[in-house]
Amino acid sequence: MPQMAMSGPAFSISPTIFFPLLIIFSWDHEPNKGNI
């Protein structure tokens, strides 16, 4: 499985999914969470 993750397309998609997730997590941790 680790070898597959190192493949071209999968490696390109990984950060694309990771960044939005990171942003969503940051949003959740903000005090204005109840506003959404």
N, C-alpha and C. Protein backbone atom coordinates (compact mmCIF):
# COMPACT_ATOMS: atom_id res chain seq x y z
N MET A 1 0.82 -1.23 0.00
CA MET A 1 0.00 0.00 0.00
C MET A 1 0.85 1.27 0.00
N PRO A 2 1.90 1.34 0.78
CA PRO A 2 2.75 2.55 0.79
C PRO A 2 3.31 2.84 -0.60
N GLN A 3 3.64 1.78 -1.36
CA GLN A 3 4.20 1.97 -2.70
C GLN A 3 3.15 2.61 -3.62
N MET A 4 1.90 2.23 -3.45
CA MET A 4 0.82 2.79 -4.28
C MET A 4 0.64 4.29 -3.98
N ALA A 5 0.77 4.64 -2.71
CA ALA A 5 0.60 6.04 -2.32
C ALA A 5 1.69 6.90 -2.95
N MET A 6 2.85 6.29 -3.22
CA MET A 6 3.96 7.04 -3.81
C MET A 6 3.76 7.23 -5.32
N SER A 7 2.73 6.61 -5.87
CA SER A 7 2.46 6.73 -7.30
C SER A 7 2.18 8.19 -7.67
N GLY A 8 2.37 8.55 -8.92
CA GLY A 8 2.21 9.92 -9.40
C GLY A 8 0.88 10.55 -9.03
N PRO A 9 -0.23 10.04 -9.59
CA PRO A 9 -1.53 10.68 -9.37
C PRO A 9 -1.92 10.71 -7.90
N ALA A 10 -1.74 9.59 -7.21
CA ALA A 10 -2.13 9.52 -5.79
C ALA A 10 -1.33 10.55 -4.99
N PHE A 11 -0.05 10.70 -5.33
CA PHE A 11 0.81 11.64 -4.60
C PHE A 11 0.36 13.08 -4.83
N SER A 12 -0.21 13.33 -6.02
CA SER A 12 -0.67 14.68 -6.36
C SER A 12 -2.00 14.99 -5.67
N ILE A 13 -2.83 13.96 -5.52
CA ILE A 13 -4.16 14.16 -4.93
C ILE A 13 -4.05 14.29 -3.40
N SER A 14 -3.07 13.61 -2.82
CA SER A 14 -2.93 13.59 -1.36
C SER A 14 -2.92 15.00 -0.76
N PRO A 15 -2.00 15.88 -1.21
CA PRO A 15 -1.97 17.24 -0.65
C PRO A 15 -3.25 18.02 -0.98
N THR A 16 -3.84 17.72 -2.12
CA THR A 16 -5.07 18.44 -2.51
C THR A 16 -6.19 18.15 -1.51
N ILE A 17 -6.20 16.94 -0.97
CA ILE A 17 -7.24 16.59 0.02
C ILE A 17 -6.80 17.03 1.41
N PHE A 18 -5.48 17.03 1.64
CA PHE A 18 -4.96 17.33 2.97
C PHE A 18 -5.13 18.81 3.31
N PHE A 19 -4.91 19.67 2.32
CA PHE A 19 -4.98 21.12 2.59
C PHE A 19 -6.38 21.57 3.00
N PRO A 20 -7.43 21.20 2.23
CA PRO A 20 -8.79 21.58 2.64
C PRO A 20 -9.13 21.02 4.02
N LEU A 21 -8.68 19.80 4.29
CA LEU A 21 -8.94 19.19 5.60
C LEU A 21 -8.31 20.04 6.69
N LEU A 22 -7.07 20.50 6.44
CA LEU A 22 -6.36 21.31 7.42
C LEU A 22 -7.11 22.61 7.66
N ILE A 23 -7.65 23.18 6.59
CA ILE A 23 -8.38 24.45 6.71
C ILE A 23 -9.67 24.23 7.51
N ILE A 24 -10.34 23.10 7.24
CA ILE A 24 -11.59 22.81 7.95
C ILE A 24 -11.31 22.61 9.44
N PHE A 25 -10.18 21.94 9.73
CA PHE A 25 -9.82 21.72 11.13
C PHE A 25 -9.54 23.05 11.81
N SER A 26 -8.85 23.95 11.10
CA SER A 26 -8.53 25.27 11.66
C SER A 26 -9.82 26.03 11.93
N TRP A 27 -10.79 25.90 11.01
CA TRP A 27 -12.06 26.60 11.16
C TRP A 27 -12.80 26.08 12.39
N ASP A 28 -12.74 24.77 12.59
CA ASP A 28 -13.44 24.14 13.71
C ASP A 28 -12.87 24.60 15.05
N HIS A 29 -11.57 24.86 15.06
CA HIS A 29 -10.90 25.21 16.32
C HIS A 29 -11.08 26.69 16.66
N GLU A 30 -11.64 27.46 15.72
CA GLU A 30 -11.83 28.89 15.98
C GLU A 30 -13.00 29.10 16.93
N PRO A 31 -12.97 30.18 17.70
CA PRO A 31 -14.04 30.45 18.67
C PRO A 31 -15.37 30.80 17.98
N ASN A 32 -15.31 31.24 16.72
CA ASN A 32 -16.52 31.62 15.99
C ASN A 32 -17.22 30.40 15.41
N LYS A 33 -16.92 29.23 15.95
CA LYS A 33 -17.47 27.99 15.42
C LYS A 33 -19.01 28.02 15.43
N GLY A 34 -19.58 28.58 16.47
CA GLY A 34 -21.04 28.59 16.60
C GLY A 34 -21.72 29.46 15.55
N ASN A 35 -20.94 30.27 14.85
CA ASN A 35 -21.52 31.17 13.85
C ASN A 35 -21.94 30.43 12.60
N ILE A 36 -21.28 29.30 12.33
CA ILE A 36 -21.55 28.56 11.09
C ILE A 36 -22.80 27.70 11.26
